[in-house]
């Protein structure tokens, strides 16, 4: 169960970090990348990881 919670927590934190970059990085531009675009990618990856954590926690409960 700890693995599912850890996956859910890291996914949520990644999503929150991406959201922060997307919200406050709209008018910034760094040499190679735009923080708002990186934020969108982090939100997608974090959301998928959080959903996987939910899936792992539900799947483990069904198996027991």
PDB file of N, CA and C in Angstrom:
ATOM      1  N   UNK A   1       0.813  -1.190   0.000  1.00  0.00           N
ATOM      2  CA  UNK A   1       0.000   0.000   0.000  1.00  0.00           C
ATOM      3  C   UNK A   1       0.856   1.253   0.000  1.00  0.00           C
ATOM      4  N   UNK A   2       2.028   1.187   0.588  1.00  0.00           N
ATOM      5  CA  UNK A   2       2.887   2.365   0.654  1.00  0.00           C
ATOM      6  C   UNK A   2       3.357   2.783  -0.734  1.00  0.00           C
ATOM      7  N   UNK A   3       3.557   1.813  -1.607  1.00  0.00           N
ATOM      8  CA  UNK A   3       3.996   2.131  -2.955  1.00  0.00           C
ATOM      9  C   UNK A   3       2.921   2.904  -3.716  1.00  0.00           C
ATOM     10  N   UNK A   4       1.665   2.520  -3.544  1.00  0.00           N
ATOM     11  CA  UNK A   4       0.571   3.219  -4.218  1.00  0.00           C
ATOM     12  C   UNK A   4       0.434   4.641  -3.692  1.00  0.00           C
ATOM     13  N   UNK A   5       0.562   4.813  -2.400  1.00  0.00           N
ATOM     14  CA  UNK A   5       0.484   6.163  -1.819  1.00  0.00           C
ATOM     15  C   UNK A   5       1.640   7.025  -2.283  1.00  0.00           C
ATOM     16  N   UNK A   6       2.820   6.429  -2.357  1.00  0.00           N
ATOM     17  CA  UNK A   6       3.997   7.171  -2.817  1.00  0.00           C
ATOM     18  C   UNK A   6       3.822   7.611  -4.268  1.00  0.00           C
ATOM     19  N   UNK A   7       3.301   6.731  -5.106  1.00  0.00           N
ATOM     20  CA  UNK A   7       3.059   7.068  -6.504  1.00  0.00           C
ATOM     21  C   UNK A   7       2.010   8.170  -6.618  1.00  0.00           C
ATOM     22  N   UNK A   8       0.956   8.082  -5.836  1.00  0.00           N
ATOM     23  CA  UNK A   8      -0.084   9.101  -5.842  1.00  0.00           C
ATOM     24  C   UNK A   8       0.462  10.442  -5.366  1.00  0.00           C
ATOM     25  N   UNK A   9       1.282  10.422  -4.330  1.00  0.00           N
ATOM     26  CA  UNK A   9       1.854  11.663  -3.806  1.00  0.00           C
ATOM     27  C   UNK A   9       2.816  12.307  -4.790  1.00  0.00           C
ATOM     28  N   UNK A  10       3.703  11.535  -5.387  1.00  0.00           N
ATOM     29  CA  UNK A  10       4.646  12.122  -6.334  1.00  0.00           C
ATOM     30  C   UNK A  10       3.938  12.615  -7.589  1.00  0.00           C
ATOM     31  N   UNK A  11       2.900  11.930  -8.017  1.00  0.00           N
ATOM     32  CA  UNK A  11       2.122  12.396  -9.154  1.00  0.00           C
ATOM     33  C   UNK A  11       1.414  13.701  -8.856  1.00  0.00           C
ATOM     34  N   UNK A  12       0.876  13.810  -7.658  1.00  0.00           N
ATOM     35  CA  UNK A  12       0.193  15.041  -7.262  1.00  0.00           C
ATOM     36  C   UNK A  12       1.165  16.209  -7.156  1.00  0.00           C
ATOM     37  N   UNK A  13       2.336  15.953  -6.602  1.00  0.00           N
ATOM     38  CA  UNK A  13       3.335  17.019  -6.493  1.00  0.00           C
ATOM     39  C   UNK A  13       3.870  17.448  -7.860  1.00  0.00           C
ATOM     40  N   UNK A  14       4.041  16.490  -8.759  1.00  0.00           N
ATOM     41  CA  UNK A  14       4.473  16.823 -10.112  1.00  0.00           C
ATOM     42  C   UNK A  14       3.412  17.647 -10.825  1.00  0.00           C
ATOM     43  N   UNK A  15       2.151  17.273 -10.646  1.00  0.00           N
ATOM     44  CA  UNK A  15       1.063  18.039 -11.240  1.00  0.00           C
ATOM     45  C   UNK A  15       1.027  19.456 -10.683  1.00  0.00           C
ATOM     46  N   UNK A  16       1.197  19.589  -9.368  1.00  0.00           N
ATOM     47  CA  UNK A  16       1.169  20.919  -8.749  1.00  0.00           C
ATOM     48  C   UNK A  16       2.346  21.779  -9.222  1.00  0.00           C
ATOM     49  N   UNK A  17       3.516  21.167  -9.363  1.00  0.00           N
ATOM     50  CA  UNK A  17       4.664  21.910  -9.881  1.00  0.00           C
ATOM     51  C   UNK A  17       4.447  22.360 -11.318  1.00  0.00           C
ATOM     52  N   UNK A  18       3.859  21.498 -12.124  1.00  0.00           N
ATOM     53  CA  UNK A  18       3.538  21.861 -13.500  1.00  0.00           C
ATOM     54  C   UNK A  18       2.500  22.956 -13.571  1.00  0.00           C
ATOM     55  N   UNK A  19       1.518  22.890 -12.693  1.00  0.00           N
ATOM     56  CA  UNK A  19       0.494  23.930 -12.640  1.00  0.00           C
ATOM     57  C   UNK A  19       1.095  25.278 -12.262  1.00  0.00           C
ATOM     58  N   UNK A  20       2.014  25.264 -11.318  1.00  0.00           N
ATOM     59  CA  UNK A  20       2.679  26.508 -10.928  1.00  0.00           C
ATOM     60  C   UNK A  20       3.500  27.083 -12.081  1.00  0.00           C
ATOM     61  N   UNK A  21       4.222  26.232 -12.792  1.00  0.00           N
ATOM     62  CA  UNK A  21       4.976  26.709 -13.951  1.00  0.00           C
ATOM     63  C   UNK A  21       4.058  27.251 -15.037  1.00  0.00           C
ATOM     64  N   UNK A  22       2.943  26.599 -15.247  1.00  0.00           N
ATOM     65  CA  UNK A  22       2.017  27.035 -16.286  1.00  0.00           C
ATOM     66  C   UNK A  22       1.371  28.369 -15.916  1.00  0.00           C
ATOM     67  N   UNK A  23       0.988  28.523 -14.642  1.00  0.00           N
ATOM     68  CA  UNK A  23       0.318  29.754 -14.232  1.00  0.00           C
ATOM     69  C   UNK A  23       1.259  30.952 -14.205  1.00  0.00           C
ATOM     70  N   UNK A  24       2.448  30.783 -13.653  1.00  0.00           N
ATOM     71  CA  UNK A  24       3.334  31.927 -13.459  1.00  0.00           C
ATOM     72  C   UNK A  24       4.454  32.006 -14.482  1.00  0.00           C
ATOM     73  N   UNK A  25       4.470  31.122 -15.460  1.00  0.00           N
ATOM     74  CA  UNK A  25       5.524  31.161 -16.458  1.00  0.00           C
ATOM     75  C   UNK A  25       5.037  31.546 -17.834  1.00  0.00           C
ATOM     76  N   UNK A  26       3.835  32.112 -17.918  1.00  0.00           N
ATOM     77  CA  UNK A  26       3.266  32.429 -19.219  1.00  0.00           C
ATOM     78  C   UNK A  26       4.033  33.523 -19.959  1.00  0.00           C
ATOM     79  N   UNK A  27       4.515  34.519 -19.246  1.00  0.00           N
ATOM     80  CA  UNK A  27       5.175  35.641 -19.905  1.00  0.00           C
ATOM     81  C   UNK A  27       6.700  35.556 -19.852  1.00  0.00           C
ATOM     82  N   UNK A  28       7.223  34.444 -19.360  1.00  0.00           N
ATOM     83  CA  UNK A  28       8.666  34.264 -19.282  1.00  0.00           C
ATOM     84  C   UNK A  28       9.147  33.402 -20.441  1.00  0.00           C
ATOM     85  N   UNK A  29      10.409  33.598 -20.803  1.00  0.00           N
ATOM     86  CA  UNK A  29      11.021  32.729 -21.805  1.00  0.00           C
ATOM     87  C   UNK A  29      12.489  32.579 -21.456  1.00  0.00           C
ATOM     88  N   UNK A  30      12.888  31.352 -21.240  1.00  0.00           N
ATOM     89  CA  UNK A  30      14.269  31.033 -20.940  1.00  0.00           C
ATOM     90  C   UNK A  30      14.920  30.614 -22.249  1.00  0.00           C
ATOM     91  N   UNK A  31      16.199  30.634 -22.323  1.00  0.00           N
ATOM     92  CA  UNK A  31      16.969  30.449 -23.556  1.00  0.00           C
ATOM     93  C   UNK A  31      16.429  29.360 -24.479  1.00  0.00           C
ATOM     94  N   UNK A  32      16.170  28.177 -23.961  1.00  0.00           N
ATOM     95  CA  UNK A  32      15.791  27.052 -24.813  1.00  0.00           C
ATOM     96  C   UNK A  32      14.307  26.729 -24.723  1.00  0.00           C
ATOM     97  N   UNK A  33      13.681  26.911 -23.572  1.00  0.00           N
ATOM     98  CA  UNK A  33      12.309  26.451 -23.385  1.00  0.00           C
ATOM     99  C   UNK A  33      11.446  27.534 -22.755  1.00  0.00           C
ATOM    100  N   UNK A  34      10.152  27.319 -22.828  1.00  0.00           N
ATOM    101  CA  UNK A  34       9.174  28.205 -22.207  1.00  0.00           C
ATOM    102  C   UNK A  34       8.606  27.484 -20.985  1.00  0.00           C
ATOM    103  N   UNK A  35       8.675  28.101 -19.801  1.00  0.00           N
ATOM    104  CA  UNK A  35       8.189  27.417 -18.593  1.00  0.00           C
ATOM    105  C   UNK A  35       6.724  26.990 -18.667  1.00  0.00           C
ATOM    106  N   UNK A  36       5.899  27.733 -19.368  1.00  0.00           N
ATOM    107  CA  UNK A  36       4.488  27.340 -19.443  1.00  0.00           C
ATOM    108  C   UNK A  36       4.320  26.037 -20.219  1.00  0.00           C
ATOM    109  N   UNK A  37       5.113  25.830 -21.261  1.00  0.00           N
ATOM    110  CA  UNK A  37       5.020  24.573 -22.026  1.00  0.00           C
ATOM    111  C   UNK A  37       5.563  23.397 -21.216  1.00  0.00           C
ATOM    112  N   UNK A  38       6.627  23.628 -20.479  1.00  0.00           N
ATOM    113  CA  UNK A  38       7.156  22.582 -19.601  1.00  0.00           C
ATOM    114  C   UNK A  38       6.139  22.268 -18.505  1.00  0.00           C
ATOM    115  N   UNK A  39       5.433  23.289 -18.031  1.00  0.00           N
ATOM    116  CA  UNK A  39       4.398  23.085 -17.021  1.00  0.00           C
ATOM    117  C   UNK A  39       3.271  22.206 -17.518  1.00  0.00           C
ATOM    118  N   UNK A  40       2.864  22.392 -18.774  1.00  0.00           N
ATOM    119  CA  UNK A  40       1.801  21.556 -19.342  1.00  0.00           C
ATOM    120  C   UNK A  40       2.268  20.102 -19.414  1.00  0.00           C
ATOM    121  N   UNK A  41       3.502  19.896 -19.831  1.00  0.00           N
ATOM    122  CA  UNK A  41       4.035  18.527 -19.905  1.00  0.00           C
ATOM    123  C   UNK A  41       4.089  17.907 -18.505  1.00  0.00           C
ATOM    124  N   UNK A  42       4.532  18.663 -17.519  1.00  0.00           N
ATOM    125  CA  UNK A  42       4.581  18.145 -16.148  1.00  0.00           C
ATOM    126  C   UNK A  42       3.190  17.848 -15.607  1.00  0.00           C
ATOM    127  N   UNK A  43       2.210  18.675 -15.960  1.00  0.00           N
ATOM    128  CA  UNK A  43       0.847  18.399 -15.511  1.00  0.00           C
ATOM    129  C   UNK A  43       0.324  17.100 -16.119  1.00  0.00           C
ATOM    130  N   UNK A  44       0.620  16.856 -17.380  1.00  0.00           N
ATOM    131  CA  UNK A  44       0.171  15.615 -18.017  1.00  0.00           C
ATOM    132  C   UNK A  44       0.842  14.408 -17.364  1.00  0.00           C
ATOM    133  N   UNK A  45       2.160  14.486 -17.192  1.00  0.00           N
ATOM    134  CA  UNK A  45       2.895  13.367 -16.588  1.00  0.00           C
ATOM    135  C   UNK A  45       2.450  13.154 -15.139  1.00  0.00           C
ATOM    136  N   UNK A  46       2.299  14.237 -14.381  1.00  0.00           N
ATOM    137  CA  UNK A  46       1.862  14.122 -12.993  1.00  0.00           C
ATOM    138  C   UNK A  46       0.453  13.575 -12.873  1.00  0.00           C
ATOM    139  N   UNK A  47      -0.440  13.999 -13.762  1.00  0.00           N
ATOM    140  CA  UNK A  47      -1.804  13.479 -13.745  1.00  0.00           C
ATOM    141  C   UNK A  47      -1.850  11.994 -14.056  1.00  0.00           C
ATOM    142  N   UNK A  48      -1.062  11.576 -15.045  1.00  0.00           N
ATOM    143  CA  UNK A  48      -1.012  10.152 -15.371  1.00  0.00           C
ATOM    144  C   UNK A  48      -0.437   9.337 -14.216  1.00  0.00           C
ATOM    145  N   UNK A  49       0.599   9.877 -13.578  1.00  0.00           N
ATOM    146  CA  UNK A  49       1.193   9.160 -12.451  1.00  0.00           C
ATOM    147  C   UNK A  49       0.230   9.088 -11.265  1.00  0.00           C
ATOM    148  N   UNK A  50      -0.509  10.151 -11.011  1.00  0.00           N
ATOM    149  CA  UNK A  50      -1.493  10.134  -9.931  1.00  0.00           C
ATOM    150  C   UNK A  50      -2.610   9.135 -10.228  1.00  0.00           C
ATOM    151  N   UNK A  51      -3.057   9.105 -11.473  1.00  0.00           N
ATOM    152  CA  UNK A  51      -4.075   8.121 -11.841  1.00  0.00           C
ATOM    153  C   UNK A  51      -3.554   6.693 -11.698  1.00  0.00           C
ATOM    154  N   UNK A  52      -2.285   6.482 -12.020  1.00  0.00           N
ATOM    155  CA  UNK A  52      -1.688   5.161 -11.838  1.00  0.00           C
ATOM    156  C   UNK A  52      -1.622   4.802 -10.352  1.00  0.00           C
ATOM    157  N   UNK A  53      -1.339   5.783  -9.497  1.00  0.00           N
ATOM    158  CA  UNK A  53      -1.340   5.528  -8.062  1.00  0.00           C
ATOM    159  C   UNK A  53      -2.717   5.156  -7.544  1.00  0.00           C
ATOM    160  N   UNK A  54      -3.745   5.821  -8.071  1.00  0.00           N
ATOM    161  CA  UNK A  54      -5.117   5.465  -7.696  1.00  0.00           C
ATOM    162  C   UNK A  54      -5.434   4.044  -8.168  1.00  0.00           C
ATOM    163  N   UNK A  55      -5.037   3.742  -9.390  1.00  0.00           N
ATOM    164  CA  UNK A  55      -5.266   2.397  -9.929  1.00  0.00           C
ATOM    165  C   UNK A  55      -4.571   1.336  -9.076  1.00  0.00           C
ATOM    166  N   UNK A  56      -3.302   1.602  -8.696  1.00  0.00           N
ATOM    167  CA  UNK A  56      -2.568   0.639  -7.875  1.00  0.00           C
ATOM    168  C   UNK A  56      -3.225   0.442  -6.520  1.00  0.00           C
ATOM    169  N   UNK A  57      -3.730   1.513  -5.930  1.00  0.00           N
ATOM    170  CA  UNK A  57      -4.351   1.372  -4.613  1.00  0.00           C
ATOM    171  C   UNK A  57      -5.674   0.642  -4.708  1.00  0.00           C
ATOM    172  N   UNK A  58      -6.449   0.881  -5.773  1.00  0.00           N
ATOM    173  CA  UNK A  58      -7.712   0.156  -5.939  1.00  0.00           C
ATOM    174  C   UNK A  58      -7.479  -1.292  -6.315  1.00  0.00           C
ATOM    175  N   UNK A  59      -6.490  -1.530  -7.135  1.00  0.00           N
ATOM    176  CA  UNK A  59      -6.186  -2.894  -7.570  1.00  0.00           C
ATOM    177  C   UNK A  59      -5.701  -3.742  -6.397  1.00  0.00           C
ATOM    178  N   UNK A  60      -4.915  -3.166  -5.530  1.00  0.00           N
ATOM    179  CA  UNK A  60      -4.403  -3.902  -4.368  1.00  0.00           C
ATOM    180  C   UNK A  60      -5.535  -4.244  -3.422  1.00  0.00           C
ATOM    181  N   UNK A  61      -6.518  -3.351  -3.249  1.00  0.00           N
ATOM    182  CA  UNK A  61      -7.646  -3.630  -2.381  1.00  0.00           C
ATOM    183  C   UNK A  61      -8.518  -4.751  -2.934  1.00  0.00           C
ATOM    184  N   UNK A  62      -8.642  -4.809  -4.273  1.00  0.00           N
ATOM    185  CA  UNK A  62      -9.441  -5.875  -4.872  1.00  0.00           C
ATOM    186  C   UNK A  62      -8.778  -7.244  -4.735  1.00  0.00           C
ATOM    187  N   UNK A  63      -7.455  -7.273  -4.767  1.00  0.00           N
ATOM    188  CA  UNK A  63      -6.734  -8.540  -4.701  1.00  0.00           C
ATOM    189  C   UNK A  63      -6.759  -9.147  -3.303  1.00  0.00           C
ATOM    190  N   UNK A  64      -6.920  -8.323  -2.287  1.00  0.00           N
ATOM    191  CA  UNK A  64      -6.874  -8.825  -0.906  1.00  0.00           C
ATOM    192  C   UNK A  64      -8.126  -9.509  -0.463  1.00  0.00           C
TER     193      UNK A  64
END
